[in-house]
Amino acid sequence: MNSLKPWHLLVLAIVFLILFGSKRLPDSARSLGRSLRIFKSEVQEMNKDDSKEDKKTDPSSEK
């Protein structure tokens, strides 16, 4: 499959407008943005936890 072309995105936008209507679309976009922000913060927390655990392990004990 090829990558998304600009007209693909236009068709998707039209479908979303038809499905959700113009009133619910901003609320849906806002909700999606919040969800992505929460997801990114959780991924960062997981990376911080992993790096802390890596520092706690002693490399000389892994033989």
PDB file of N, CA and C in Angstrom:
ATOM      1  N   MET A   1       0.831  -1.183   0.000  1.00  0.00           N
ATOM      2  CA  MET A   1       0.000   0.000   0.000  1.00  0.00           C
ATOM      3  C   MET A   1       0.873   1.243   0.000  1.00  0.00           C
ATOM      4  N   ASN A   2       0.407   2.227  -0.684  1.00  0.00           N
ATOM      5  CA  ASN A   2       1.112   3.500  -0.710  1.00  0.00           C
ATOM      6  C   ASN A   2       0.735   4.324   0.507  1.00  0.00           C
ATOM      7  N   SER A   3       1.497   5.368   0.712  1.00  0.00           N
ATOM      8  CA  SER A   3       1.200   6.246   1.847  1.00  0.00           C
ATOM      9  C   SER A   3      -0.054   7.067   1.580  1.00  0.00           C
ATOM     10  N   LEU A   4      -0.515   7.728   2.614  1.00  0.00           N
ATOM     11  CA  LEU A   4      -1.726   8.541   2.478  1.00  0.00           C
ATOM     12  C   LEU A   4      -1.464   9.745   1.588  1.00  0.00           C
ATOM     13  N   LYS A   5      -2.351   9.976   0.698  1.00  0.00           N
ATOM     14  CA  LYS A   5      -2.300  11.145  -0.180  1.00  0.00           C
ATOM     15  C   LYS A   5      -3.191  12.224   0.426  1.00  0.00           C
ATOM     16  N   PRO A   6      -3.012  13.474   0.017  1.00  0.00           N
ATOM     17  CA  PRO A   6      -3.854  14.549   0.565  1.00  0.00           C
ATOM     18  C   PRO A   6      -5.346  14.322   0.346  1.00  0.00           C
ATOM     19  N   TRP A   7      -5.721  13.727  -0.773  1.00  0.00           N
ATOM     20  CA  TRP A   7      -7.150  13.523  -1.006  1.00  0.00           C
ATOM     21  C   TRP A   7      -7.710  12.445  -0.094  1.00  0.00           C
ATOM     22  N   HIS A   8      -6.865  11.520   0.382  1.00  0.00           N
ATOM     23  CA  HIS A   8      -7.316  10.531   1.366  1.00  0.00           C
ATOM     24  C   HIS A   8      -7.735  11.229   2.658  1.00  0.00           C
ATOM     25  N   LEU A   9      -6.908  12.179   3.075  1.00  0.00           N
ATOM     26  CA  LEU A   9      -7.223  12.920   4.298  1.00  0.00           C
ATOM     27  C   LEU A   9      -8.493  13.743   4.134  1.00  0.00           C
ATOM     28  N   LEU A  10      -8.698  14.283   2.945  1.00  0.00           N
ATOM     29  CA  LEU A  10      -9.915  15.047   2.677  1.00  0.00           C
ATOM     30  C   LEU A  10     -11.146  14.156   2.777  1.00  0.00           C
ATOM     31  N   VAL A  11     -11.059  12.963   2.226  1.00  0.00           N
ATOM     32  CA  VAL A  11     -12.178  12.022   2.300  1.00  0.00           C
ATOM     33  C   VAL A  11     -12.446  11.636   3.752  1.00  0.00           C
ATOM     34  N   LEU A  12     -11.394  11.398   4.521  1.00  0.00           N
ATOM     35  CA  LEU A  12     -11.568  11.073   5.940  1.00  0.00           C
ATOM     36  C   LEU A  12     -12.236  12.218   6.693  1.00  0.00           C
ATOM     37  N   ALA A  13     -11.832  13.439   6.400  1.00  0.00           N
ATOM     38  CA  ALA A  13     -12.438  14.595   7.064  1.00  0.00           C
ATOM     39  C   ALA A  13     -13.919  14.701   6.729  1.00  0.00           C
ATOM     40  N   ILE A  14     -14.279  14.452   5.481  1.00  0.00           N
ATOM     41  CA  ILE A  14     -15.686  14.508   5.077  1.00  0.00           C
ATOM     42  C   ILE A  14     -16.488  13.421   5.773  1.00  0.00           C
ATOM     43  N   VAL A  15     -15.924  12.229   5.869  1.00  0.00           N
ATOM     44  CA  VAL A  15     -16.614  11.123   6.540  1.00  0.00           C
ATOM     45  C   VAL A  15     -16.835  11.461   8.012  1.00  0.00           C
ATOM     46  N   PHE A  16     -15.815  12.024   8.675  1.00  0.00           N
ATOM     47  CA  PHE A  16     -15.980  12.412  10.075  1.00  0.00           C
ATOM     48  C   PHE A  16     -17.053  13.476  10.234  1.00  0.00           C
ATOM     49  N   LEU A  17     -17.093  14.431   9.317  1.00  0.00           N
ATOM     50  CA  LEU A  17     -18.133  15.459   9.390  1.00  0.00           C
ATOM     51  C   LEU A  17     -19.515  14.854   9.244  1.00  0.00           C
ATOM     52  N   ILE A  18     -19.646  13.891   8.351  1.00  0.00           N
ATOM     53  CA  ILE A  18     -20.949  13.249   8.145  1.00  0.00           C
ATOM     54  C   ILE A  18     -21.338  12.426   9.374  1.00  0.00           C
ATOM     55  N   LEU A  19     -20.386  11.677   9.916  1.00  0.00           N
ATOM     56  CA  LEU A  19     -20.686  10.803  11.051  1.00  0.00           C
ATOM     57  C   LEU A  19     -20.954  11.581  12.334  1.00  0.00           C
ATOM     58  N   PHE A  20     -20.117  12.549  12.634  1.00  0.00           N
ATOM     59  CA  PHE A  20     -20.200  13.221  13.921  1.00  0.00           C
ATOM     60  C   PHE A  20     -20.922  14.557  13.869  1.00  0.00           C
ATOM     61  N   GLY A  21     -21.022  15.153  12.725  1.00  0.00           N
ATOM     62  CA  GLY A  21     -21.653  16.463  12.625  1.00  0.00           C
ATOM     63  C   GLY A  21     -20.706  17.565  13.055  1.00  0.00           C
ATOM     64  N   SER A  22     -21.047  18.768  12.696  1.00  0.00           N
ATOM     65  CA  SER A  22     -20.149  19.888  12.979  1.00  0.00           C
ATOM     66  C   SER A  22     -20.135  20.259  14.459  1.00  0.00           C
ATOM     67  N   LYS A  23     -21.149  19.886  15.202  1.00  0.00           N
ATOM     68  CA  LYS A  23     -21.196  20.241  16.625  1.00  0.00           C
ATOM     69  C   LYS A  23     -20.314  19.335  17.470  1.00  0.00           C
ATOM     70  N   ARG A  24     -20.266  18.060  17.144  1.00  0.00           N
ATOM     71  CA  ARG A  24     -19.503  17.118  17.968  1.00  0.00           C
ATOM     72  C   ARG A  24     -18.054  17.001  17.536  1.00  0.00           C
ATOM     73  N   LEU A  25     -17.716  17.474  16.346  1.00  0.00           N
ATOM     74  CA  LEU A  25     -16.353  17.326  15.843  1.00  0.00           C
ATOM     75  C   LEU A  25     -15.319  18.047  16.716  1.00  0.00           C
ATOM     76  N   PRO A  26     -15.525  19.299  17.127  1.00  0.00           N
ATOM     77  CA  PRO A  26     -14.532  19.937  18.005  1.00  0.00           C
ATOM     78  C   PRO A  26     -14.371  19.217  19.347  1.00  0.00           C
ATOM     79  N   ASP A  27     -15.461  18.732  19.897  1.00  0.00           N
ATOM     80  CA  ASP A  27     -15.374  17.986  21.158  1.00  0.00           C
ATOM     81  C   ASP A  27     -14.593  16.693  20.977  1.00  0.00           C
ATOM     82  N   SER A  28     -14.811  16.026  19.850  1.00  0.00           N
ATOM     83  CA  SER A  28     -14.085  14.789  19.575  1.00  0.00           C
ATOM     84  C   SER A  28     -12.598  15.059  19.400  1.00  0.00           C
ATOM     85  N   ALA A  29     -12.263  16.124  18.695  1.00  0.00           N
ATOM     86  CA  ALA A  29     -10.856  16.474  18.497  1.00  0.00           C
ATOM     87  C   ALA A  29     -10.202  16.842  19.825  1.00  0.00           C
ATOM     88  N   ARG A  30     -10.903  17.565  20.662  1.00  0.00           N
ATOM     89  CA  ARG A  30     -10.380  17.949  21.973  1.00  0.00           C
ATOM     90  C   ARG A  30     -10.141  16.709  22.830  1.00  0.00           C
ATOM     91  N   SER A  31     -11.071  15.794  22.798  1.00  0.00           N
ATOM     92  CA  SER A  31     -10.943  14.557  23.564  1.00  0.00           C
ATOM     93  C   SER A  31      -9.767  13.724  23.064  1.00  0.00           C
ATOM     94  N   LEU A  32      -9.601  13.667  21.756  1.00  0.00           N
ATOM     95  CA  LEU A  32      -8.477  12.930  21.179  1.00  0.00           C
ATOM     96  C   LEU A  32      -7.156  13.565  21.597  1.00  0.00           C
ATOM     97  N   GLY A  33      -7.092  14.885  21.596  1.00  0.00           N
ATOM     98  CA  GLY A  33      -5.882  15.582  22.026  1.00  0.00           C
ATOM     99  C   GLY A  33      -5.541  15.299  23.474  1.00  0.00           C
ATOM    100  N   ARG A  34      -6.542  15.297  24.332  1.00  0.00           N
ATOM    101  CA  ARG A  34      -6.314  14.984  25.750  1.00  0.00           C
ATOM    102  C   ARG A  34      -5.803  13.559  25.910  1.00  0.00           C
ATOM    103  N   SER A  35      -6.399  12.647  25.169  1.00  0.00           N
ATOM    104  CA  SER A  35      -5.986  11.245  25.265  1.00  0.00           C
ATOM    105  C   SER A  35      -4.544  11.071  24.817  1.00  0.00           C
ATOM    106  N   LEU A  36      -4.167  11.741  23.734  1.00  0.00           N
ATOM    107  CA  LEU A  36      -2.786  11.643  23.267  1.00  0.00           C
ATOM    108  C   LEU A  36      -1.815  12.257  24.270  1.00  0.00           C
ATOM    109  N   ARG A  37      -2.203  13.356  24.898  1.00  0.00           N
ATOM    110  CA  ARG A  37      -1.356  13.991  25.900  1.00  0.00           C
ATOM    111  C   ARG A  37      -1.151  13.058  27.087  1.00  0.00           C
ATOM    112  N   ILE A  38      -2.208  12.402  27.535  1.00  0.00           N
ATOM    113  CA  ILE A  38      -2.109  11.454  28.648  1.00  0.00           C
ATOM    114  C   ILE A  38      -1.235  10.274  28.260  1.00  0.00           C
ATOM    115  N   PHE A  39      -1.418   9.773  27.045  1.00  0.00           N
ATOM    116  CA  PHE A  39      -0.623   8.645  26.565  1.00  0.00           C
ATOM    117  C   PHE A  39       0.861   9.003  26.532  1.00  0.00           C
ATOM    118  N   LYS A  40       1.192  10.186  26.023  1.00  0.00           N
ATOM    119  CA  LYS A  40       2.592  10.604  25.954  1.00  0.00           C
ATOM    120  C   LYS A  40       3.199  10.727  27.346  1.00  0.00           C
ATOM    121  N   SER A  41       2.445  11.275  28.287  1.00  0.00           N
ATOM    122  CA  SER A  41       2.980  11.422  29.641  1.00  0.00           C
ATOM    123  C   SER A  41       3.190  10.061  30.297  1.00  0.00           C
ATOM    124  N   GLU A  42       2.305   9.121  30.040  1.00  0.00           N
ATOM    125  CA  GLU A  42       2.470   7.774  30.604  1.00  0.00           C
ATOM    126  C   GLU A  42       3.692   7.078  30.008  1.00  0.00           C
ATOM    127  N   VAL A  43       3.925   7.260  28.719  1.00  0.00           N
ATOM    128  CA  VAL A  43       5.102   6.664  28.079  1.00  0.00           C
ATOM    129  C   VAL A  43       6.375   7.265  28.669  1.00  0.00           C
ATOM    130  N   GLN A  44       6.380   8.570  28.892  1.00  0.00           N
ATOM    131  CA  GLN A  44       7.545   9.212  29.499  1.00  0.00           C
ATOM    132  C   GLN A  44       7.781   8.694  30.911  1.00  0.00           C
ATOM    133  N   GLU A  45       6.727   8.501  31.673  1.00  0.00           N
ATOM    134  CA  GLU A  45       6.864   7.961  33.031  1.00  0.00           C
ATOM    135  C   GLU A  45       7.435   6.549  32.993  1.00  0.00           C
ATOM    136  N   MET A  46       6.974   5.742  32.045  1.00  0.00           N
ATOM    137  CA  MET A  46       7.491   4.379  31.922  1.00  0.00           C
ATOM    138  C   MET A  46       8.972   4.400  31.572  1.00  0.00           C
ATOM    139  N   ASN A  47       9.376   5.302  30.687  1.00  0.00           N
ATOM    140  CA  ASN A  47      10.787   5.408  30.323  1.00  0.00           C
ATOM    141  C   ASN A  47      11.625   5.844  31.515  1.00  0.00           C
ATOM    142  N   LYS A  48      11.108   6.758  32.326  1.00  0.00           N
ATOM    143  CA  LYS A  48      11.833   7.195  33.519  1.00  0.00           C
ATOM    144  C   LYS A  48      11.978   6.047  34.506  1.00  0.00           C
ATOM    145  N   ASP A  49      10.905   5.274  34.680  1.00  0.00           N
ATOM    146  CA  ASP A  49      10.956   4.138  35.597  1.00  0.00           C
ATOM    147  C   ASP A  49      11.955   3.096  35.115  1.00  0.00           C
ATOM    148  N   ASP A  50      11.980   2.841  33.813  1.00  0.00           N
ATOM    149  CA  ASP A  50      12.920   1.867  33.262  1.00  0.00           C
ATOM    150  C   ASP A  50      14.359   2.326  33.444  1.00  0.00           C
ATOM    151  N   SER A  51      14.614   3.609  33.237  1.00  0.00           N
ATOM    152  CA  SER A  51      15.984   4.100  33.385  1.00  0.00           C
ATOM    153  C   SER A  51      16.424   4.054  34.844  1.00  0.00           C
ATOM    154  N   LYS A  52      15.505   4.283  35.782  1.00  0.00           N
ATOM    155  CA  LYS A  52      15.840   4.192  37.203  1.00  0.00           C
ATOM    156  C   LYS A  52      16.171   2.755  37.581  1.00  0.00           C
ATOM    157  N   GLU A  53      15.419   1.801  37.040  1.00  0.00           N
ATOM    158  CA  GLU A  53      15.674   0.394  37.343  1.00  0.00           C
ATOM    159  C   GLU A  53      16.997  -0.057  36.750  1.00  0.00           C
ATOM    160  N   ASP A  54      17.347   0.462  35.566  1.00  0.00           N
ATOM    161  CA  ASP A  54      18.616   0.104  34.950  1.00  0.00           C
ATOM    162  C   ASP A  54      19.790   0.611  35.782  1.00  0.00           C
ATOM    163  N   LYS A  55      19.641   1.771  36.384  1.00  0.00           N
ATOM    164  CA  LYS A  55      20.716   2.325  37.210  1.00  0.00           C
ATOM    165  C   LYS A  55      20.863   1.554  38.512  1.00  0.00           C
ATOM    166  N   LYS A  56      19.765   0.980  39.008  1.00  0.00           N
ATOM    167  CA  LYS A  56      19.808   0.249  40.277  1.00  0.00           C
ATOM    168  C   LYS A  56      20.500  -1.101  40.135  1.00  0.00           C
ATOM    169  N   THR A  57      20.413  -1.728  38.972  1.00  0.00           N
ATOM    170  CA  THR A  57      21.031  -3.042  38.800  1.00  0.00           C
ATOM    171  C   THR A  57      22.538  -2.892  38.723  1.00  0.00           C
ATOM    172  N   ASP A  58      23.229  -3.833  39.322  1.00  0.00           N
ATOM    173  CA  ASP A  58      24.682  -3.819  39.345  1.00  0.00           C
ATOM    174  C   ASP A  58      25.202  -4.628  38.161  1.00  0.00           C
ATOM    175  N   PRO A  59      25.964  -4.014  37.268  1.00  0.00           N
ATOM    176  CA  PRO A  59      26.438  -4.752  36.093  1.00  0.00           C
ATOM    177  C   PRO A  59      27.422  -5.865  36.442  1.00  0.00           C
ATOM    178  N   SER A  60      28.124  -5.789  37.562  1.00  0.00           N
ATOM    179  CA  SER A  60      29.084  -6.833  37.913  1.00  0.00           C
ATOM    180  C   SER A  60      28.390  -8.105  38.387  1.00  0.00           C
ATOM    181  N   SER A  61      27.131  -8.019  38.774  1.00  0.00           N
ATOM    182  CA  SER A  61      26.414  -9.201  39.240  1.00  0.00           C
ATOM    183  C   SER A  61      25.825 -10.008  38.090  1.00  0.00           C
ATOM    184  N   GLU A  62      25.919  -9.498  36.879  1.00  0.00           N
ATOM    185  CA  GLU A  62      25.355 -10.193  35.713  1.00  0.00           C
ATOM    186  C   GLU A  62      26.431 -11.004  35.014  1.00  0.00           C
ATOM    187  N   LYS A  63      26.849 -12.110  35.594  1.00  0.00           N
ATOM    188  CA  LYS A  63      27.863 -12.966  34.969  1.00  0.00           C
ATOM    189  C   LYS A  63      27.313 -14.312  34.666  1.00  0.00           C
TER     190      LYS A  63
END
